[in-house]
Protein backbone atom coordinates (compact mmCIF):
# COMPACT_ATOMS: atom_id res chain seq x y z
CA MET A 1 110.27 80.62 73.83
CA ASN A 2 107.55 78.47 74.95
CA VAL A 3 105.11 80.71 76.95
CA GLN A 4 103.34 79.15 80.03
CA LYS A 5 99.54 79.20 79.48
CA ILE A 6 96.61 79.38 82.04
CA ASP A 7 94.08 76.83 81.05
CA PHE A 8 91.05 78.62 82.62
CA GLU A 9 88.41 76.39 81.29
CA LYS A 10 90.30 73.55 83.09
CA LEU A 11 90.66 75.46 86.35
CA SER A 12 87.12 76.79 86.62
CA LEU A 13 84.89 75.37 88.98
CA PRO A 14 81.00 74.45 88.11
CA HIS A 15 79.78 75.97 91.47
CA TRP A 16 81.02 79.48 90.66
CA THR A 17 78.46 82.17 89.93
CA GLU A 18 78.69 84.11 86.70
CA ALA A 19 80.03 86.90 88.69
CA GLU A 20 82.65 84.73 90.24
CA LYS A 21 83.71 83.32 86.87
CA LYS A 22 84.15 86.68 85.44
CA ASN A 23 86.26 87.93 88.43
CA ALA A 24 88.52 84.86 88.01
CA ALA A 25 88.72 85.42 84.29
CA VAL A 26 89.73 88.97 84.97
CA VAL A 27 92.55 87.80 87.18
CA ALA A 28 93.61 84.96 84.79
CA ASP A 29 93.74 87.41 81.89
CA PHE A 30 96.07 89.75 84.19
CA ILE A 31 98.32 86.89 85.34
CA GLN A 32 98.76 85.51 81.86
CA HIS A 33 99.70 88.83 80.36
CA LEU A 34 101.96 90.02 83.27
CA MET A 35 103.62 87.02 84.64
CA ASN A 36 103.74 84.61 81.65
CA GLU A 37 103.80 86.70 78.51
CA HIS A 38 105.42 89.83 80.26
CA ASP A 39 103.41 92.07 78.15
CA PHE A 40 103.70 95.05 80.19
CA ASP A 41 102.05 97.50 77.81
CA TYR A 42 98.92 95.40 77.73
CA ILE A 43 98.86 95.41 81.43
CA GLN A 44 99.30 99.14 81.73
CA ASN A 45 96.69 99.85 78.94
CA LYS A 46 93.96 97.42 80.23
CA PHE A 47 94.71 97.78 84.10
CA GLY A 48 96.61 100.91 84.60
CA ASN A 49 93.62 103.16 85.43
CA HIS A 50 92.33 100.93 88.16
CA ASN A 51 92.93 101.92 91.84
CA TYR A 52 95.13 98.94 92.63
CA VAL A 53 96.28 98.57 96.22
CA GLN A 54 99.23 96.39 96.87
CA HIS A 55 99.50 94.82 100.23
CA ASN A 56 102.88 92.95 99.48
CA LEU A 57 105.19 95.49 101.25
CA ALA A 58 108.18 94.62 98.89
CA ILE A 59 106.19 95.75 95.87
CA PRO A 60 105.72 99.45 95.11
CA GLU A 61 102.05 100.80 95.04
CA GLY A 62 99.78 100.50 92.01
CA ILE A 63 99.82 98.79 88.75
CA THR A 64 102.79 101.13 87.63
CA GLY A 65 104.85 100.03 90.78
CA LEU A 66 103.83 96.27 90.17
CA ILE A 67 104.96 96.49 86.49
CA GLY A 68 108.28 98.16 87.40
CA TYR A 69 108.86 95.28 90.06
CA VAL A 70 107.96 92.57 87.71
CA LYS A 71 110.01 94.06 84.84
CA GLY A 72 113.19 94.03 87.26
CA PHE A 73 112.52 90.31 88.09
CA VAL A 74 112.17 89.40 84.58
CA LYS A 75 115.27 91.15 83.68
CA ASN A 76 117.12 88.78 86.09
CA PHE A 77 114.85 85.90 85.16
CA PRO A 78 113.64 86.21 81.41
CA GLU A 79 111.91 82.76 81.48
CA TYR A 80 109.96 83.52 84.76
CA SER A 81 106.40 82.24 84.64
CA TYR A 82 103.45 81.22 86.65
CA ASP A 83 101.92 77.67 86.48
CA VAL A 84 98.36 78.10 87.97
CA LYS A 85 97.37 75.11 89.70
CA TYR A 86 94.07 76.09 91.40
CA ILE A 87 91.84 78.95 91.26
CA MET A 88 89.12 79.65 94.13
CA ALA A 89 86.67 82.40 93.53
CA SER A 90 84.19 83.66 96.40
CA GLY A 91 82.28 86.79 95.85
CA ASP A 92 84.57 89.46 95.07
CA MET A 93 87.84 87.43 96.02
CA VAL A 94 89.80 85.48 93.61
CA VAL A 95 92.54 83.08 94.79
CA PHE A 96 95.46 81.55 92.56
CA HIS A 97 97.73 78.93 94.10
CA SER A 98 100.57 78.62 91.61
CA HIS A 99 104.04 77.11 91.11
CA VAL A 100 106.40 79.85 89.79
CA THR A 101 109.66 78.85 88.01
CA THR A 102 112.41 81.19 86.53
CA LYS A 103 113.73 78.74 83.95
CA ALA A 104 111.66 76.93 81.26
CA LYS A 105 113.42 73.67 81.90
CA ASN A 106 112.05 73.66 85.57
CA ARG A 107 108.50 74.14 84.78
CA GLY A 108 106.57 71.43 86.48
CA ASN A 109 109.54 70.44 88.61
CA GLU A 110 108.40 70.84 92.25
CA LYS A 111 112.06 71.06 93.44
CA TYR A 112 112.56 74.52 91.89
CA GLY A 113 110.94 78.05 92.14
CA PHE A 114 108.20 79.27 94.41
CA ILE A 115 104.80 78.34 95.62
CA ILE A 116 102.81 81.44 95.57
CA THR A 117 99.19 81.97 96.91
CA ASP A 118 97.72 85.37 95.57
CA ARG A 119 94.51 86.88 96.63
CA TRP A 120 92.72 89.53 94.74
CA LYS A 121 89.49 91.56 95.27
CA VAL A 122 87.84 92.22 91.98
CA VAL A 123 84.95 94.53 91.75
CA ASP A 124 83.16 95.45 88.44
CA GLY A 125 85.84 93.95 86.40
CA GLU A 126 88.49 95.76 88.29
CA ILE A 127 91.39 94.37 90.33
CA LEU A 128 91.35 96.55 93.49
CA ASP A 129 93.73 94.83 96.06
CA HIS A 130 96.24 92.24 96.13
CA TRP A 131 97.70 90.21 98.86
CA ASP A 132 99.99 87.13 98.58
CA ALA A 133 102.10 84.66 100.49
CA ILE A 134 105.38 83.18 98.90
CA GLN A 135 107.00 79.98 99.76
CA PRO A 136 110.53 79.55 98.05
CA ILE A 137 111.33 75.75 97.28
CA ASN A 138 114.91 75.59 96.68
CA SER A 139 117.89 77.02 98.66
CA PHE A 140 118.71 79.63 95.99
CA PHE A 141 115.27 81.21 96.01
CA ARG A 142 115.16 80.73 99.97
CA PHE A 143 118.29 82.92 100.02
CA TYR A 144 117.04 85.25 97.22
CA ILE A 145 113.66 86.00 99.07
CA TRP A 146 115.75 86.83 102.29
CA LEU A 147 117.98 89.08 100.34
CA ILE A 148 115.16 91.16 98.66
CA GLY A 149 112.51 90.89 101.36
CA GLY A 150 113.65 93.63 103.80
CA LYS A 151 112.95 96.83 101.83
CA VAL A 152 109.39 98.17 102.62
CA ARG A 153 107.99 99.79 99.26
CA ASN A 154 104.46 100.74 100.16
CA SER A 155 102.63 101.60 103.69
CA ASN A 156 99.32 99.52 103.00
CA ARG A 157 97.97 97.23 105.67
CA LEU A 158 98.89 93.50 105.41
CA PHE A 159 95.36 92.30 106.24
């Protein structure tokens, strides 16, 4: 299967400080392995000891909870991938604006999937917090989000 790749050099911005570039690179590595390669062992080994606070109420707490959640999604949608369109880094905050699709044939087609804006707090190379906003594009995923969106799986603050 053709794996979606994050072109970090293309998405990097020249005004970032070295710290901001490092923070963005940590998140790019995280997303590439988690969302595109579905390499859950890599994520557990590299990020599993971090104190990761999940602010999306539908996703269980911590890296282990996130891995379990994504594993379930990948089981239903094995070609699931993130096409990162824009990266913003400011201090310890990193934002990805991405087009997510669940079928390889729909990659790049803006009529399918989700638009997701993710924000992470990264300190000393560790991803500490995650927030997101998800906009389903097509009617199937609008309905899907409505179905799964009601269960609260952590008690963290939204903001």
